[in-house]
Amino acid sequence: MKIKRQKHAKKTISFYKYNFCFREPFQILIDGTFCQAALKNKIQIKEQLPKYLMGEVQLCTTKFQIRKCKHMKDPLPALECLLSMLGETNPHHYFIATQVRTL
């Protein structure tokens, strides 16, 4: 990672740690678009995200390491599911890894 990008990432992570009480292991909600882009570009998510965030991470999705969502019986599109898990205040301090720009 280039030094400029590393400094920016460190500054951003520090902001979230001190202002919003994010702590390690960082919980990262990953959607299918992010996994698909990583696979296409031959990026090892499990190895690269801890380096980029400079700390321990916990990769989560609604199908791997399961985080229960409220709409198991009435499935929603992935974007709406992730947004509902964040809620208004993001009480579980999730990061979102996606390729959807509108999010």
PDB file of N, CA and C in Angstrom:
ATOM      1  N   MET A   1       0.850  -1.171   0.000  1.00  0.00           N
ATOM      2  CA  MET A   1       0.000   0.000   0.000  1.00  0.00           C
ATOM      3  C   MET A   1       0.893   1.229   0.000  1.00  0.00           C
ATOM      4  N   LYS A   2       0.518   2.207  -0.789  1.00  0.00           N
ATOM      5  CA  LYS A   2       1.307   3.430  -0.863  1.00  0.00           C
ATOM      6  C   LYS A   2       1.209   4.197   0.452  1.00  0.00           C
ATOM      7  N   ILE A   3       2.236   4.950   0.763  1.00  0.00           N
ATOM      8  CA  ILE A   3       2.321   5.657   2.039  1.00  0.00           C
ATOM      9  C   ILE A   3       1.185   6.655   2.203  1.00  0.00           C
ATOM     10  N   LYS A   4       0.837   7.374   1.138  1.00  0.00           N
ATOM     11  CA  LYS A   4      -0.236   8.368   1.219  1.00  0.00           C
ATOM     12  C   LYS A   4      -1.573   7.703   1.555  1.00  0.00           C
ATOM     13  N   ARG A   5      -1.855   6.577   0.886  1.00  0.00           N
ATOM     14  CA  ARG A   5      -3.095   5.844   1.146  1.00  0.00           C
ATOM     15  C   ARG A   5      -3.088   5.260   2.558  1.00  0.00           C
ATOM     16  N   GLN A   6      -1.942   4.780   3.019  1.00  0.00           N
ATOM     17  CA  GLN A   6      -1.823   4.216   4.358  1.00  0.00           C
ATOM     18  C   GLN A   6      -2.068   5.276   5.428  1.00  0.00           C
ATOM     19  N   LYS A   7      -1.537   6.478   5.230  1.00  0.00           N
ATOM     20  CA  LYS A   7      -1.755   7.560   6.183  1.00  0.00           C
ATOM     21  C   LYS A   7      -3.225   7.955   6.232  1.00  0.00           C
ATOM     22  N   HIS A   8      -3.864   8.004   5.069  1.00  0.00           N
ATOM     23  CA  HIS A   8      -5.283   8.356   5.016  1.00  0.00           C
ATOM     24  C   HIS A   8      -6.125   7.294   5.720  1.00  0.00           C
ATOM     25  N   ALA A   9      -5.811   6.017   5.485  1.00  0.00           N
ATOM     26  CA  ALA A   9      -6.549   4.929   6.134  1.00  0.00           C
ATOM     27  C   ALA A   9      -6.357   4.980   7.649  1.00  0.00           C
ATOM     28  N   LYS A  10      -5.128   5.231   8.105  1.00  0.00           N
ATOM     29  CA  LYS A  10      -4.846   5.302   9.539  1.00  0.00           C
ATOM     30  C   LYS A  10      -5.612   6.453  10.185  1.00  0.00           C
ATOM     31  N   LYS A  11      -5.671   7.585   9.515  1.00  0.00           N
ATOM     32  CA  LYS A  11      -6.397   8.746  10.021  1.00  0.00           C
ATOM     33  C   LYS A  11      -7.896   8.451  10.109  1.00  0.00           C
ATOM     34  N   THR A  12      -8.442   7.814   9.100  1.00  0.00           N
ATOM     35  CA  THR A  12      -9.871   7.487   9.078  1.00  0.00           C
ATOM     36  C   THR A  12     -10.219   6.484  10.171  1.00  0.00           C
ATOM     37  N   ILE A  13      -9.415   5.443  10.324  1.00  0.00           N
ATOM     38  CA  ILE A  13      -9.672   4.436  11.364  1.00  0.00           C
ATOM     39  C   ILE A  13      -9.568   5.074  12.745  1.00  0.00           C
ATOM     40  N   SER A  14      -8.596   5.932  12.955  1.00  0.00           N
ATOM     41  CA  SER A  14      -8.456   6.613  14.250  1.00  0.00           C
ATOM     42  C   SER A  14      -9.684   7.461  14.552  1.00  0.00           C
ATOM     43  N   PHE A  15     -10.212   8.133  13.541  1.00  0.00           N
ATOM     44  CA  PHE A  15     -11.418   8.939  13.713  1.00  0.00           C
ATOM     45  C   PHE A  15     -12.572   8.077  14.212  1.00  0.00           C
ATOM     46  N   TYR A  16     -12.783   6.919  13.586  1.00  0.00           N
ATOM     47  CA  TYR A  16     -13.879   6.046  13.998  1.00  0.00           C
ATOM     48  C   TYR A  16     -13.626   5.414  15.366  1.00  0.00           C
ATOM     49  N   LYS A  17     -12.375   5.121  15.679  1.00  0.00           N
ATOM     50  CA  LYS A  17     -12.055   4.552  16.997  1.00  0.00           C
ATOM     51  C   LYS A  17     -12.381   5.536  18.119  1.00  0.00           C
ATOM     52  N   TYR A  18     -11.941   6.772  17.974  1.00  0.00           N
ATOM     53  CA  TYR A  18     -12.071   7.737  19.062  1.00  0.00           C
ATOM     54  C   TYR A  18     -13.425   8.428  19.123  1.00  0.00           C
ATOM     55  N   ASN A  19     -14.086   8.600  17.998  1.00  0.00           N
ATOM     56  CA  ASN A  19     -15.363   9.308  18.000  1.00  0.00           C
ATOM     57  C   ASN A  19     -16.581   8.403  18.078  1.00  0.00           C
ATOM     58  N   PHE A  20     -16.461   7.171  17.586  1.00  0.00           N
ATOM     59  CA  PHE A  20     -17.618   6.282  17.555  1.00  0.00           C
ATOM     60  C   PHE A  20     -17.372   4.964  18.284  1.00  0.00           C
ATOM     61  N   CYS A  21     -16.279   4.859  19.012  1.00  0.00           N
ATOM     62  CA  CYS A  21     -15.941   3.685  19.837  1.00  0.00           C
ATOM     63  C   CYS A  21     -15.818   2.386  19.030  1.00  0.00           C
ATOM     64  N   PHE A  22     -15.342   2.458  17.797  1.00  0.00           N
ATOM     65  CA  PHE A  22     -15.050   1.232  17.054  1.00  0.00           C
ATOM     66  C   PHE A  22     -13.828   0.610  17.705  1.00  0.00           C
ATOM     67  N   ARG A  23     -13.797  -0.706  17.777  1.00  0.00           N
ATOM     68  CA  ARG A  23     -12.663  -1.378  18.401  1.00  0.00           C
ATOM     69  C   ARG A  23     -12.365  -2.680  17.654  1.00  0.00           C
ATOM     70  N   GLU A  24     -11.195  -3.194  17.909  1.00  0.00           N
ATOM     71  CA  GLU A  24     -10.796  -4.460  17.296  1.00  0.00           C
ATOM     72  C   GLU A  24     -11.434  -5.617  18.037  1.00  0.00           C
ATOM     73  N   PRO A  25     -11.737  -6.678  17.384  1.00  0.00           N
ATOM     74  CA  PRO A  25     -11.650  -6.902  15.953  1.00  0.00           C
ATOM     75  C   PRO A  25     -12.744  -6.124  15.228  1.00  0.00           C
ATOM     76  N   PHE A  26     -12.372  -5.427  14.145  1.00  0.00           N
ATOM     77  CA  PHE A  26     -13.340  -4.680  13.360  1.00  0.00           C
ATOM     78  C   PHE A  26     -14.272  -5.666  12.673  1.00  0.00           C
ATOM     79  N   GLN A  27     -15.563  -5.458  12.789  1.00  0.00           N
ATOM     80  CA  GLN A  27     -16.545  -6.327  12.150  1.00  0.00           C
ATOM     81  C   GLN A  27     -16.874  -5.740  10.783  1.00  0.00           C
ATOM     82  N   ILE A  28     -16.616  -6.506   9.742  1.00  0.00           N
ATOM     83  CA  ILE A  28     -16.829  -6.017   8.386  1.00  0.00           C
ATOM     84  C   ILE A  28     -17.915  -6.853   7.736  1.00  0.00           C
ATOM     85  N   LEU A  29     -19.038  -6.213   7.405  1.00  0.00           N
ATOM     86  CA  LEU A  29     -20.116  -6.878   6.684  1.00  0.00           C
ATOM     87  C   LEU A  29     -19.768  -6.852   5.199  1.00  0.00           C
ATOM     88  N   ILE A  30     -19.680  -8.014   4.594  1.00  0.00           N
ATOM     89  CA  ILE A  30     -19.288  -8.128   3.192  1.00  0.00           C
ATOM     90  C   ILE A  30     -20.478  -8.595   2.380  1.00  0.00           C
ATOM     91  N   ASP A  31     -20.703  -7.953   1.237  1.00  0.00           N
ATOM     92  CA  ASP A  31     -21.773  -8.414   0.365  1.00  0.00           C
ATOM     93  C   ASP A  31     -21.184  -9.096  -0.862  1.00  0.00           C
ATOM     94  N   GLY A  32     -22.036  -9.659  -1.671  1.00  0.00           N
ATOM     95  CA  GLY A  32     -21.620 -10.437  -2.834  1.00  0.00           C
ATOM     96  C   GLY A  32     -20.855  -9.638  -3.870  1.00  0.00           C
ATOM     97  N   THR A  33     -21.208  -8.368  -4.045  1.00  0.00           N
ATOM     98  CA  THR A  33     -20.517  -7.557  -5.048  1.00  0.00           C
ATOM     99  C   THR A  33     -19.056  -7.337  -4.673  1.00  0.00           C
ATOM    100  N   PHE A  34     -18.797  -7.180  -3.378  1.00  0.00           N
ATOM    101  CA  PHE A  34     -17.421  -6.991  -2.909  1.00  0.00           C
ATOM    102  C   PHE A  34     -16.613  -8.271  -3.119  1.00  0.00           C
ATOM    103  N   CYS A  35     -17.205  -9.412  -2.778  1.00  0.00           N
ATOM    104  CA  CYS A  35     -16.516 -10.693  -2.973  1.00  0.00           C
ATOM    105  C   CYS A  35     -16.242 -10.956  -4.450  1.00  0.00           C
ATOM    106  N   GLN A  36     -17.215 -10.634  -5.288  1.00  0.00           N
ATOM    107  CA  GLN A  36     -17.047 -10.840  -6.721  1.00  0.00           C
ATOM    108  C   GLN A  36     -15.919  -9.971  -7.279  1.00  0.00           C
ATOM    109  N   ALA A  37     -15.857  -8.715  -6.864  1.00  0.00           N
ATOM    110  CA  ALA A  37     -14.791  -7.826  -7.324  1.00  0.00           C
ATOM    111  C   ALA A  37     -13.426  -8.304  -6.822  1.00  0.00           C
ATOM    112  N   ALA A  38     -13.361  -8.775  -5.586  1.00  0.00           N
ATOM    113  CA  ALA A  38     -12.103  -9.283  -5.034  1.00  0.00           C
ATOM    114  C   ALA A  38     -11.642 -10.531  -5.793  1.00  0.00           C
ATOM    115  N   LEU A  39     -12.587 -11.405  -6.105  1.00  0.00           N
ATOM    116  CA  LEU A  39     -12.255 -12.616  -6.851  1.00  0.00           C
ATOM    117  C   LEU A  39     -11.769 -12.272  -8.255  1.00  0.00           C
ATOM    118  N   LYS A  40     -12.449 -11.336  -8.893  1.00  0.00           N
ATOM    119  CA  LYS A  40     -12.081 -10.918 -10.249  1.00  0.00           C
ATOM    120  C   LYS A  40     -10.676 -10.310 -10.279  1.00  0.00           C
ATOM    121  N   ASN A  41     -10.329  -9.547  -9.252  1.00  0.00           N
ATOM    122  CA  ASN A  41      -9.023  -8.888  -9.186  1.00  0.00           C
ATOM    123  C   ASN A  41      -7.972  -9.693  -8.425  1.00  0.00           C
ATOM    124  N   LYS A  42      -8.317 -10.927  -8.061  1.00  0.00           N
ATOM    125  CA  LYS A  42      -7.408 -11.851  -7.377  1.00  0.00           C
ATOM    126  C   LYS A  42      -6.864 -11.259  -6.079  1.00  0.00           C
ATOM    127  N   ILE A  43      -7.765 -10.710  -5.269  1.00  0.00           N
ATOM    128  CA  ILE A  43      -7.403 -10.125  -3.979  1.00  0.00           C
ATOM    129  C   ILE A  43      -7.841 -11.069  -2.870  1.00  0.00           C
ATOM    130  N   GLN A  44      -6.940 -11.383  -1.979  1.00  0.00           N
ATOM    131  CA  GLN A  44      -7.240 -12.231  -0.830  1.00  0.00           C
ATOM    132  C   GLN A  44      -7.815 -11.357   0.285  1.00  0.00           C
ATOM    133  N   ILE A  45      -9.135 -11.333   0.415  1.00  0.00           N
ATOM    134  CA  ILE A  45      -9.808 -10.450   1.372  1.00  0.00           C
ATOM    135  C   ILE A  45      -9.319 -10.693   2.791  1.00  0.00           C
ATOM    136  N   LYS A  46      -9.233 -11.944   3.170  1.00  0.00           N
ATOM    137  CA  LYS A  46      -8.879 -12.291   4.548  1.00  0.00           C
ATOM    138  C   LYS A  46      -7.480 -11.819   4.925  1.00  0.00           C
ATOM    139  N   GLU A  47      -6.593 -11.736   3.961  1.00  0.00           N
ATOM    140  CA  GLU A  47      -5.224 -11.285   4.226  1.00  0.00           C
ATOM    141  C   GLU A  47      -5.064  -9.772   4.085  1.00  0.00           C
ATOM    142  N   GLN A  48      -5.769  -9.169   3.130  1.00  0.00           N
ATOM    143  CA  GLN A  48      -5.553  -7.765   2.814  1.00  0.00           C
ATOM    144  C   GLN A  48      -6.295  -6.794   3.727  1.00  0.00           C
ATOM    145  N   LEU A  49      -7.510  -7.135   4.150  1.00  0.00           N
ATOM    146  CA  LEU A  49      -8.265  -6.197   4.993  1.00  0.00           C
ATOM    147  C   LEU A  49      -7.589  -5.907   6.330  1.00  0.00           C
ATOM    148  N   PRO A  50      -7.033  -6.897   7.033  1.00  0.00           N
ATOM    149  CA  PRO A  50      -6.315  -6.552   8.274  1.00  0.00           C
ATOM    150  C   PRO A  50      -5.124  -5.631   8.035  1.00  0.00           C
ATOM    151  N   LYS A  51      -4.446  -5.793   6.918  1.00  0.00           N
ATOM    152  CA  LYS A  51      -3.317  -4.910   6.602  1.00  0.00           C
ATOM    153  C   LYS A  51      -3.814  -3.492   6.332  1.00  0.00           C
ATOM    154  N   TYR A  52      -4.914  -3.380   5.588  1.00  0.00           N
ATOM    155  CA  TYR A  52      -5.424  -2.060   5.226  1.00  0.00           C
ATOM    156  C   TYR A  52      -5.990  -1.318   6.438  1.00  0.00           C
ATOM    157  N   LEU A  53      -6.698  -2.043   7.306  1.00  0.00           N
ATOM    158  CA  LEU A  53      -7.296  -1.422   8.495  1.00  0.00           C
ATOM    159  C   LEU A  53      -6.340  -1.386   9.681  1.00  0.00           C
ATOM    160  N   MET A  54      -5.163  -1.953   9.512  1.00  0.00           N
ATOM    161  CA  MET A  54      -4.129  -1.972  10.544  1.00  0.00           C
ATOM    162  C   MET A  54      -4.637  -2.514  11.871  1.00  0.00           C
ATOM    163  N   GLY A  55      -5.319  -3.644  11.803  1.00  0.00           N
ATOM    164  CA  GLY A  55      -5.832  -4.271  13.006  1.00  0.00           C
ATOM    165  C   GLY A  55      -6.533  -5.570  12.672  1.00  0.00           C
ATOM    166  N   GLU A  56      -6.955  -6.250  13.701  1.00  0.00           N
ATOM    167  CA  GLU A  56      -7.657  -7.515  13.544  1.00  0.00           C
ATOM    168  C   GLU A  56      -9.064  -7.266  13.011  1.00  0.00           C
ATOM    169  N   VAL A  57      -9.509  -8.120  12.077  1.00  0.00           N
ATOM    170  CA  VAL A  57     -10.843  -7.966  11.507  1.00  0.00           C
ATOM    171  C   VAL A  57     -11.632  -9.256  11.661  1.00  0.00           C
ATOM    172  N   GLN A  58     -12.930  -9.121  11.605  1.00  0.00           N
ATOM    173  CA  GLN A  58     -13.842 -10.253  11.651  1.00  0.00           C
ATOM    174  C   GLN A  58     -14.769 -10.096  10.456  1.00  0.00           C
ATOM    175  N   LEU A  59     -14.642 -10.988   9.478  1.00  0.00           N
ATOM    176  CA  LEU A  59     -15.445 -10.894   8.271  1.00  0.00           C
ATOM    177  C   LEU A  59     -16.820 -11.504   8.529  1.00  0.00           C
ATOM    178  N   CYS A  60     -17.859 -10.779   8.157  1.00  0.00           N
ATOM    179  CA  CYS A  60     -19.226 -11.219   8.422  1.00  0.00           C
ATOM    180  C   CYS A  60     -20.086 -11.031   7.184  1.00  0.00           C
ATOM    181  N   THR A  61     -21.063 -11.878   7.052  1.00  0.00           N
ATOM    182  CA  THR A  61     -22.125 -11.735   6.074  1.00  0.00           C
ATOM    183  C   THR A  61     -23.311 -12.510   6.616  1.00  0.00           C
ATOM    184  N   THR A  62     -24.433 -12.430   5.959  1.00  0.00           N
ATOM    185  CA  THR A  62     -25.597 -13.128   6.491  1.00  0.00           C
ATOM    186  C   THR A  62     -25.558 -14.614   6.165  1.00  0.00           C
ATOM    187  N   LYS A  63     -24.537 -15.097   5.428  1.00  0.00           N
ATOM    188  CA  LYS A  63     -24.444 -16.521   5.117  1.00  0.00           C
ATOM    189  C   LYS A  63     -23.170 -17.190   5.615  1.00  0.00           C
ATOM    190  N   PHE A  64     -22.055 -16.463   5.890  1.00  0.00           N
ATOM    191  CA  PHE A  64     -20.807 -17.073   6.390  1.00  0.00           C
ATOM    192  C   PHE A  64     -20.835 -17.073   7.913  1.00  0.00           C
ATOM    193  N   GLN A  65     -20.148 -16.156   8.514  1.00  0.00           N
ATOM    194  CA  GLN A  65     -20.243 -16.002   9.957  1.00  0.00           C
ATOM    195  C   GLN A  65     -21.523 -15.222  10.156  1.00  0.00           C
ATOM    196  N   ILE A  66     -22.521 -15.869  10.658  1.00  0.00           N
ATOM    197  CA  ILE A  66     -23.882 -15.359  10.566  1.00  0.00           C
ATOM    198  C   ILE A  66     -24.157 -14.252  11.562  1.00  0.00           C
ATOM    199  N   ARG A  67     -24.711 -13.189  11.047  1.00  0.00           N
ATOM    200  CA  ARG A  67     -25.287 -12.113  11.838  1.00  0.00           C
ATOM    201  C   ARG A  67     -26.771 -12.167  11.538  1.00  0.00           C
ATOM    202  N   LYS A  68     -27.564 -12.420  12.535  1.00  0.00           N
ATOM    203  CA  LYS A  68     -29.009 -12.588  12.330  1.00  0.00           C
ATOM    204  C   LYS A  68     -29.639 -11.282  11.867  1.00  0.00           C
ATOM    205  N   CYS A  69     -30.442 -11.392  10.833  1.00  0.00           N
ATOM    206  CA  CYS A  69     -31.210 -10.242  10.388  1.00  0.00           C
ATOM    207  C   CYS A  69     -32.688 -10.540  10.642  1.00  0.00           C
ATOM    208  N   LYS A  70     -33.495  -9.508  10.685  1.00  0.00           N
ATOM    209  CA  LYS A  70     -34.891  -9.646  11.094  1.00  0.00           C
ATOM    210  C   LYS A  70     -35.809 -10.158   9.991  1.00  0.00           C
ATOM    211  N   HIS A  71     -35.306 -10.346   8.812  1.00  0.00           N
ATOM    212  CA  HIS A  71     -36.182 -10.727   7.709  1.00  0.00           C
ATOM    213  C   HIS A  71     -35.799 -12.068   7.112  1.00  0.00           C
ATOM    214  N   MET A  72     -35.628 -13.063   7.968  1.00  0.00           N
ATOM    215  CA  MET A  72     -35.299 -14.404   7.502  1.00  0.00           C
ATOM    216  C   MET A  72     -36.455 -15.003   6.705  1.00  0.00           C
ATOM    217  N   LYS A  73     -37.697 -14.736   7.127  1.00  0.00           N
ATOM    218  CA  LYS A  73     -38.865 -15.315   6.456  1.00  0.00           C
ATOM    219  C   LYS A  73     -39.220 -14.541   5.197  1.00  0.00           C
ATOM    220  N   ASP A  74     -39.000 -13.240   5.195  1.00  0.00           N
ATOM    221  CA  ASP A  74     -39.291 -12.388   4.041  1.00  0.00           C
ATOM    222  C   ASP A  74     -37.988 -11.772   3.547  1.00  0.00           C
ATOM    223  N   PRO A  75     -37.228 -12.488   2.690  1.00  0.00           N
ATOM    224  CA  PRO A  75     -35.926 -11.992   2.251  1.00  0.00           C
ATOM    225  C   PRO A  75     -36.015 -10.648   1.531  1.00  0.00           C
ATOM    226  N   LEU A  76     -34.992  -9.847   1.738  1.00  0.00           N
ATOM    227  CA  LEU A  76     -34.851  -8.545   1.089  1.00  0.00           C
ATOM    228  C   LEU A  76     -33.616  -8.568   0.202  1.00  0.00           C
ATOM    229  N   PRO A  77     -33.497  -7.613  -0.719  1.00  0.00           N
ATOM    230  CA  PRO A  77     -32.234  -7.489  -1.464  1.00  0.00           C
ATOM    231  C   PRO A  77     -31.077  -7.206  -0.499  1.00  0.00           C
ATOM    232  N   ALA A  78     -29.873  -7.560  -0.911  1.00  0.00           N
ATOM    233  CA  ALA A  78     -28.702  -7.441  -0.034  1.00  0.00           C
ATOM    234  C   ALA A  78     -28.506  -6.023   0.478  1.00  0.00           C
ATOM    235  N   LEU A  79     -28.700  -5.033  -0.376  1.00  0.00           N
ATOM    236  CA  LEU A  79     -28.499  -3.644   0.016  1.00  0.00           C
ATOM    237  C   LEU A  79     -29.433  -3.250   1.155  1.00  0.00           C
ATOM    238  N   GLU A  80     -30.698  -3.603   1.039  1.00  0.00           N
ATOM    239  CA  GLU A  80     -31.669  -3.272   2.087  1.00  0.00           C
ATOM    240  C   GLU A  80     -31.385  -4.040   3.373  1.00  0.00           C
ATOM    241  N   CYS A  81     -30.940  -5.292   3.251  1.00  0.00           N
ATOM    242  CA  CYS A  81     -30.605  -6.098   4.426  1.00  0.00           C
ATOM    243  C   CYS A  81     -29.443  -5.468   5.192  1.00  0.00           C
ATOM    244  N   LEU A  82     -28.392  -5.074   4.476  1.00  0.00           N
ATOM    245  CA  LEU A  82     -27.237  -4.462   5.133  1.00  0.00           C
ATOM    246  C   LEU A  82     -27.613  -3.147   5.806  1.00  0.00           C
ATOM    247  N   LEU A  83     -28.409  -2.340   5.126  1.00  0.00           N
ATOM    248  CA  LEU A  83     -28.830  -1.066   5.714  1.00  0.00           C
ATOM    249  C   LEU A  83     -29.677  -1.281   6.967  1.00  0.00           C
ATOM    250  N   SER A  84     -30.531  -2.311   6.953  1.00  0.00           N
ATOM    251  CA  SER A  84     -31.352  -2.564   8.141  1.00  0.00           C
ATOM    252  C   SER A  84     -30.500  -3.046   9.313  1.00  0.00           C
ATOM    253  N   MET A  85     -29.399  -3.742   9.022  1.00  0.00           N
ATOM    254  CA  MET A  85     -28.516  -4.197  10.098  1.00  0.00           C
ATOM    255  C   MET A  85     -27.740  -3.039  10.712  1.00  0.00           C
ATOM    256  N   LEU A  86     -27.465  -2.005   9.919  1.00  0.00           N
ATOM    257  CA  LEU A  86     -26.790  -0.827  10.454  1.00  0.00           C
ATOM    258  C   LEU A  86     -27.722  -0.021  11.336  1.00  0.00           C
ATOM    259  N   GLY A  87     -28.975   0.111  10.919  1.00  0.00           N
ATOM    260  CA  GLY A  87     -29.922   0.926  11.671  1.00  0.00           C
ATOM    261  C   GLY A  87     -29.562   2.392  11.577  1.00  0.00           C
ATOM    262  N   GLU A  88     -30.124   3.178  12.460  1.00  0.00           N
ATOM    263  CA  GLU A  88     -29.870   4.618  12.461  1.00  0.00           C
ATOM    264  C   GLU A  88     -28.515   4.970  13.065  1.00  0.00           C
ATOM    265  N   THR A  89     -28.086   4.208  14.085  1.00  0.00           N
ATOM    266  CA  THR A  89     -26.882   4.584  14.833  1.00  0.00           C
ATOM    267  C   THR A  89     -25.738   3.580  14.736  1.00  0.00           C
ATOM    268  N   ASN A  90     -25.917   2.464  14.033  1.00  0.00           N
ATOM    269  CA  ASN A  90     -24.887   1.430  13.901  1.00  0.00           C
ATOM    270  C   ASN A  90     -24.377   0.990  15.280  1.00  0.00           C
ATOM    271  N   PRO A  91     -25.250   0.434  16.136  1.00  0.00           N
ATOM    272  CA  PRO A  91     -24.860   0.100  17.506  1.00  0.00           C
ATOM    273  C   PRO A  91     -23.787  -0.982  17.614  1.00  0.00           C
ATOM    274  N   HIS A  92     -23.659  -1.856  16.605  1.00  0.00           N
ATOM    275  CA  HIS A  92     -22.657  -2.921  16.658  1.00  0.00           C
ATOM    276  C   HIS A  92     -21.351  -2.520  15.981  1.00  0.00           C
ATOM    277  N   HIS A  93     -21.277  -1.274  15.505  1.00  0.00           N
ATOM    278  CA  HIS A  93     -20.059  -0.719  14.901  1.00  0.00           C
ATOM    279  C   HIS A  93     -19.580  -1.552  13.708  1.00  0.00           C
ATOM    280  N   TYR A  94     -20.468  -1.809  12.767  1.00  0.00           N
ATOM    281  CA  TYR A  94     -20.119  -2.543  11.558  1.00  0.00           C
ATOM    282  C   TYR A  94     -19.480  -1.619  10.530  1.00  0.00           C
ATOM    283  N   PHE A  95     -18.492  -2.135   9.807  1.00  0.00           N
ATOM    284  CA  PHE A  95     -18.030  -1.532   8.574  1.00  0.00           C
ATOM    285  C   PHE A  95     -18.772  -2.278   7.469  1.00  0.00           C
ATOM    286  N   ILE A  96     -18.970  -1.656   6.328  1.00  0.00           N
ATOM    287  CA  ILE A  96     -19.621  -2.315   5.202  1.00  0.00           C
ATOM    288  C   ILE A  96     -18.622  -2.394   4.055  1.00  0.00           C
ATOM    289  N   ALA A  97     -18.455  -3.578   3.485  1.00  0.00           N
ATOM    290  CA  ALA A  97     -17.598  -3.765   2.318  1.00  0.00           C
ATOM    291  C   ALA A  97     -18.508  -4.115   1.144  1.00  0.00           C
ATOM    292  N   THR A  98     -18.631  -3.203   0.193  1.00  0.00           N
ATOM    293  CA  THR A  98     -19.513  -3.407  -0.949  1.00  0.00           C
ATOM    294  C   THR A  98     -18.983  -2.649  -2.148  1.00  0.00           C
ATOM    295  N   GLN A  99     -19.479  -2.989  -3.314  1.00  0.00           N
ATOM    296  CA  GLN A  99     -19.157  -2.274  -4.531  1.00  0.00           C
ATOM    297  C   GLN A  99     -20.306  -1.372  -4.968  1.00  0.00           C
ATOM    298  N   VAL A 100     -21.411  -1.372  -4.221  1.00  0.00           N
ATOM    299  CA  VAL A 100     -22.579  -0.570  -4.546  1.00  0.00           C
ATOM    300  C   VAL A 100     -22.312   0.876  -4.153  1.00  0.00           C
ATOM    301  N   ARG A 101     -22.222   1.747  -5.116  1.00  0.00           N
ATOM    302  CA  ARG A 101     -21.848   3.138  -4.864  1.00  0.00           C
ATOM    303  C   ARG A 101     -22.940   3.903  -4.121  1.00  0.00           C
ATOM    304  N   THR A 102     -24.212   3.551  -4.304  1.00  0.00           N
ATOM    305  CA  THR A 102     -25.291   4.275  -3.650  1.00  0.00           C
ATOM    306  C   THR A 102     -25.284   4.074  -2.147  1.00  0.00           C
ATOM    307  N   LEU A 103     -24.687   3.009  -1.669  1.00  0.00           N
ATOM    308  CA  LEU A 103     -24.629   2.758  -0.235  1.00  0.00           C
ATOM    309  C   LEU A 103     -23.644   3.704   0.413  1.00  0.00           C
TER     310      LEU A 103
END
